[in-house]
Amino acid sequence: MKKIFLLTIILTMILNLNAQKFGFKVGLNLSGVNSSINLEDYQTETPAKGLNGGLVFEFNPIKRLSVRSEALFSQKGYNVISDVNLNGTDIVTDFSLRMNYFEIPLLLKLKLGPAYITAGPYFSYAVSGNEIVSITADGQKLAEDQYANYGQIPSNDIFKDGEFNGDNIKFNRTDVGLNIGAGLQFLMFFTEVRYGIGLTNIEDYNGIPADEFTKNYTISLSVGILFGK
């Protein structure tokens, strides 16, 4: 996977050297995970919110078709809440995971007047990741030194500690997936929406069957500017 990521960087650099347009974009990510694991008493809350932004390069081999490459910072993750009753006490555990990726999408862009559609793969590497947990008992927030009683850690660097809230879950730094999107461009300015679906399992559970999976999905909203002819 690391070799694929390095080859992607090299290909992106080659495309960028031949780019006819370049610019910047910034926006909002709404993300979560597709999972085969039965969460039972768990339910996904509102999508995790994060930032996306970075450099945009375009090469136009023909009039209506472009090749776009991007070098982005992209935040992904999920929010999950557990509500269980333990010996008559209502325990609510709120999990919030954030992974900060360096991401390279490689896209074909088809122009339809001021509108356009894009599609293609993305390759990303998580430079950091953190999980924050909040626990309440009968509506009262617990002190952090009480979290260990429920097998939890208040906050966790998921890569540095090598442990995910006591569950010994390993996270994969690399993620590969597919993007599809649509946008509008007026003069130098553009706005677009994009849906990305991960193809890589981002979590490895000890003792969980190999056919189980947890994969990213992301809805991205962004605005940007392109310079060049």
Protein backbone atom coordinates (compact mmCIF):
# COMPACT_ATOMS: atom_id res chain seq x y z
CA MET A 1 0.00 0.00 0.00
CA LYS A 2 2.86 2.40 0.78
CA LYS A 3 4.36 1.72 -2.67
CA ILE A 4 1.03 2.60 -4.30
CA PHE A 5 0.89 5.81 -2.29
CA LEU A 6 4.43 6.78 -3.33
CA LEU A 7 3.67 6.03 -6.99
CA THR A 8 0.56 8.19 -6.69
CA ILE A 9 2.63 11.09 -5.36
CA ILE A 10 5.09 10.72 -8.26
CA LEU A 11 2.27 10.60 -10.83
CA THR A 12 0.63 13.62 -9.23
CA MET A 13 3.89 15.59 -9.41
CA ILE A 14 4.26 14.73 -13.11
CA LEU A 15 0.70 15.87 -13.83
CA ASN A 16 1.17 19.02 -11.79
CA LEU A 17 4.30 20.00 -13.77
CA ASN A 18 2.12 19.92 -16.89
CA ALA A 19 -0.88 21.61 -15.29
CA GLN A 20 -2.53 24.39 -17.26
CA LYS A 21 -4.53 25.58 -14.26
CA PHE A 22 -3.77 25.68 -10.57
CA GLY A 23 -5.57 26.97 -7.53
CA PHE A 24 -6.87 26.39 -4.04
CA LYS A 25 -9.97 25.00 -2.35
CA VAL A 26 -11.38 24.85 1.16
CA GLY A 27 -14.47 23.25 2.59
CA LEU A 28 -16.34 21.06 5.04
CA ASN A 29 -16.33 17.27 5.42
CA LEU A 30 -19.31 15.32 6.78
CA SER A 31 -18.04 11.81 7.42
CA GLY A 32 -18.83 8.45 8.96
CA VAL A 33 -18.13 4.77 8.42
CA ASN A 34 -19.73 1.87 6.61
CA SER A 35 -19.36 -1.17 8.85
CA SER A 36 -20.34 -4.85 8.78
CA ILE A 37 -20.24 -4.97 12.58
CA ASN A 38 -23.62 -5.16 14.31
CA LEU A 39 -23.59 -2.23 16.71
CA GLU A 40 -26.68 -3.47 18.58
CA ASP A 41 -27.23 -0.78 21.24
CA TYR A 42 -25.01 1.69 19.36
CA GLN A 43 -26.26 4.24 16.89
CA THR A 44 -24.41 6.69 14.71
CA GLU A 45 -25.05 10.29 15.64
CA THR A 46 -24.86 13.25 13.32
CA PRO A 47 -21.97 12.94 10.83
CA ALA A 48 -18.53 13.92 12.11
CA LYS A 49 -17.60 17.41 10.93
CA GLY A 50 -14.12 18.23 9.68
CA LEU A 51 -12.15 20.43 7.32
CA ASN A 52 -10.78 19.84 3.85
CA GLY A 53 -8.59 22.06 1.75
CA GLY A 54 -5.45 22.34 -0.31
CA LEU A 55 -4.03 22.70 -3.81
CA VAL A 56 -5.79 21.98 -7.10
CA PHE A 57 -4.14 21.33 -10.49
CA GLU A 58 -5.79 20.76 -13.87
CA PHE A 59 -4.50 19.54 -17.21
CA ASN A 60 -6.79 19.82 -20.27
CA PRO A 61 -6.05 17.15 -22.90
CA ILE A 62 -9.23 18.05 -24.83
CA LYS A 63 -11.70 20.91 -24.66
CA ARG A 64 -14.39 19.44 -22.41
CA LEU A 65 -12.30 16.91 -20.52
CA SER A 66 -9.75 17.68 -17.81
CA VAL A 67 -7.52 15.67 -15.54
CA ARG A 68 -7.56 17.09 -12.01
CA SER A 69 -5.14 16.27 -9.23
CA GLU A 70 -5.29 17.66 -5.71
CA ALA A 71 -3.10 17.69 -2.62
CA LEU A 72 -5.42 18.02 0.36
CA PHE A 73 -5.66 18.05 4.13
CA SER A 74 -8.83 16.10 4.92
CA GLN A 75 -10.38 15.33 8.32
CA LYS A 76 -12.54 12.21 8.59
CA GLY A 77 -14.02 10.17 11.42
CA TYR A 78 -17.25 9.21 13.11
CA ASN A 79 -19.46 9.93 16.12
CA VAL A 80 -21.06 6.95 17.86
CA ILE A 81 -23.17 6.89 21.00
CA SER A 82 -23.87 3.92 23.29
CA ASP A 83 -26.81 3.97 25.70
CA VAL A 84 -26.98 0.94 28.01
CA ASN A 85 -28.39 0.14 31.44
CA LEU A 86 -25.92 -1.36 33.92
CA ASN A 87 -27.43 -2.56 37.20
CA GLY A 88 -30.14 0.10 37.03
CA THR A 89 -27.78 2.93 35.99
CA ASP A 90 -28.21 4.55 32.57
CA ILE A 91 -24.71 4.76 31.03
CA VAL A 92 -24.31 6.90 27.92
CA THR A 93 -20.90 6.74 26.20
CA ASP A 94 -20.16 9.22 23.41
CA PHE A 95 -17.28 8.26 21.07
CA SER A 96 -15.76 10.84 18.72
CA LEU A 97 -12.96 9.80 16.32
CA ARG A 98 -10.98 12.21 14.12
CA MET A 99 -8.33 11.14 11.60
CA ASN A 100 -6.28 13.79 9.79
CA TYR A 101 -5.33 12.66 6.29
CA PHE A 102 -2.98 13.87 3.58
CA GLU A 103 -5.10 12.99 0.55
CA ILE A 104 -4.43 12.87 -3.19
CA PRO A 105 -7.50 12.57 -5.46
CA LEU A 106 -6.91 11.85 -9.17
CA LEU A 107 -10.03 12.78 -11.11
CA LEU A 108 -11.47 13.05 -14.59
CA LYS A 109 -13.53 16.22 -15.00
CA LEU A 110 -16.21 16.46 -17.69
CA LYS A 111 -17.39 19.99 -18.43
CA LEU A 112 -21.07 20.58 -19.19
CA GLY A 113 -21.18 24.33 -19.72
CA PRO A 114 -20.69 26.04 -16.33
CA ALA A 115 -21.45 22.71 -14.63
CA TYR A 116 -19.10 19.74 -14.41
CA ILE A 117 -18.88 16.24 -12.98
CA THR A 118 -15.82 14.49 -11.58
CA ALA A 119 -14.93 10.89 -10.80
CA GLY A 120 -11.82 8.96 -9.86
CA PRO A 121 -9.80 7.36 -7.07
CA TYR A 122 -8.22 8.92 -4.02
CA PHE A 123 -5.21 7.84 -1.99
CA SER A 124 -4.69 9.08 1.57
CA TYR A 125 -2.39 8.70 4.55
CA ALA A 126 -3.39 9.52 8.13
CA VAL A 127 -0.76 11.75 9.71
CA SER A 128 -2.58 11.70 13.08
CA GLY A 129 -5.71 10.46 14.77
CA ASN A 130 -7.45 10.97 18.10
CA GLU A 131 -10.48 9.64 19.89
CA ILE A 132 -12.35 11.50 22.62
CA VAL A 133 -14.81 9.74 24.93
CA SER A 134 -17.43 11.28 27.21
CA ILE A 135 -19.43 9.18 29.72
CA THR A 136 -22.53 10.13 31.69
CA ALA A 137 -24.27 8.09 34.40
CA ASP A 138 -27.96 8.93 34.92
CA GLY A 139 -27.35 12.26 33.19
CA GLN A 140 -24.28 13.24 35.24
CA LYS A 141 -20.92 13.47 33.49
CA LEU A 142 -18.29 11.25 35.10
CA ALA A 143 -14.86 12.46 36.19
CA GLU A 144 -12.11 11.20 33.88
CA ASP A 145 -10.54 9.07 36.62
CA GLN A 146 -13.77 7.02 36.66
CA TYR A 147 -13.59 6.09 32.95
CA ALA A 148 -11.32 3.11 33.64
CA ASN A 149 -14.22 1.48 35.54
CA TYR A 150 -15.99 1.21 32.17
CA GLY A 151 -12.95 0.13 30.16
CA GLN A 152 -12.51 3.53 28.53
CA ILE A 153 -9.80 6.18 28.12
CA PRO A 154 -10.89 9.86 28.06
CA SER A 155 -8.66 10.69 25.08
CA ASN A 156 -6.37 8.55 22.98
CA ASP A 157 -3.78 9.03 20.25
CA ILE A 158 -4.85 6.01 18.21
CA PHE A 159 -1.48 5.60 16.48
CA LYS A 160 0.92 6.50 19.28
CA ASP A 161 -0.72 4.39 21.99
CA GLY A 162 -1.45 1.41 19.76
CA GLU A 163 -4.63 0.86 21.74
CA PHE A 164 -8.15 2.12 21.15
CA ASN A 165 -9.88 2.65 24.50
CA GLY A 166 -8.73 -0.65 25.92
CA ASP A 167 -10.00 -2.72 22.97
CA ASN A 168 -6.57 -3.18 21.34
CA ILE A 169 -7.83 -2.03 17.94
CA LYS A 170 -5.16 -1.17 15.39
CA PHE A 171 -5.87 1.57 12.87
CA ASN A 172 -4.51 1.58 9.33
CA ARG A 173 -2.95 4.85 8.25
CA THR A 174 -3.55 4.31 4.52
CA ASP A 175 -6.95 4.61 2.89
CA VAL A 176 -7.87 4.13 -0.78
CA GLY A 177 -11.28 4.92 -2.21
CA LEU A 178 -13.40 6.40 -4.99
CA ASN A 179 -14.79 9.91 -5.44
CA ILE A 180 -17.70 11.16 -7.49
CA GLY A 181 -18.82 14.76 -7.53
CA ALA A 182 -20.41 17.69 -9.31
CA GLY A 183 -19.76 21.40 -9.37
CA LEU A 184 -20.29 24.79 -10.92
CA GLN A 185 -17.58 27.13 -12.21
CA PHE A 186 -17.94 30.85 -12.97
CA LEU A 187 -14.83 32.57 -14.29
CA MET A 188 -12.06 31.61 -11.83
CA PHE A 189 -14.37 30.50 -9.00
CA PHE A 190 -15.94 27.11 -8.39
CA THR A 191 -18.09 25.33 -5.85
CA GLU A 192 -18.62 21.59 -5.66
CA VAL A 193 -19.99 18.67 -3.71
CA ARG A 194 -18.26 15.30 -3.63
CA TYR A 195 -18.99 11.86 -2.21
CA GLY A 196 -16.08 9.61 -1.30
CA ILE A 197 -16.34 5.96 -0.35
CA GLY A 198 -13.41 4.10 1.17
CA LEU A 199 -12.35 0.69 -0.09
CA THR A 200 -9.85 0.02 2.71
CA ASN A 201 -10.60 -1.36 6.15
CA ILE A 202 -9.42 1.35 8.56
CA GLU A 203 -9.62 -0.82 11.70
CA ASP A 204 -8.12 -4.19 12.65
CA TYR A 205 -9.82 -5.91 15.57
CA ASN A 206 -8.14 -8.73 17.45
CA GLY A 207 -10.34 -11.80 17.39
CA ILE A 208 -12.80 -10.37 14.85
CA PRO A 209 -13.37 -12.43 11.64
CA ALA A 210 -11.40 -11.28 8.61
CA ASP A 211 -14.58 -10.55 6.62
CA GLU A 212 -15.62 -7.77 9.02
CA PHE A 213 -14.91 -4.23 7.84
CA THR A 214 -15.05 -0.57 8.80
CA LYS A 215 -14.60 1.84 5.88
CA ASN A 216 -14.74 5.62 5.53
CA TYR A 217 -17.38 7.57 3.68
CA THR A 218 -17.28 11.34 3.24
CA ILE A 219 -19.52 14.07 1.84
CA SER A 220 -17.37 17.10 0.98
CA LEU A 221 -18.59 20.62 0.30
CA SER A 222 -16.00 23.09 -0.97
CA VAL A 223 -15.32 26.35 -2.77
CA GLY A 224 -12.19 27.36 -4.60
CA ILE A 225 -10.40 29.39 -7.23
CA LEU A 226 -8.45 28.35 -10.34
CA PHE A 227 -5.84 30.40 -12.18
CA GLY A 228 -4.62 29.82 -15.72
CA LYS A 229 -6.04 29.43 -19.18
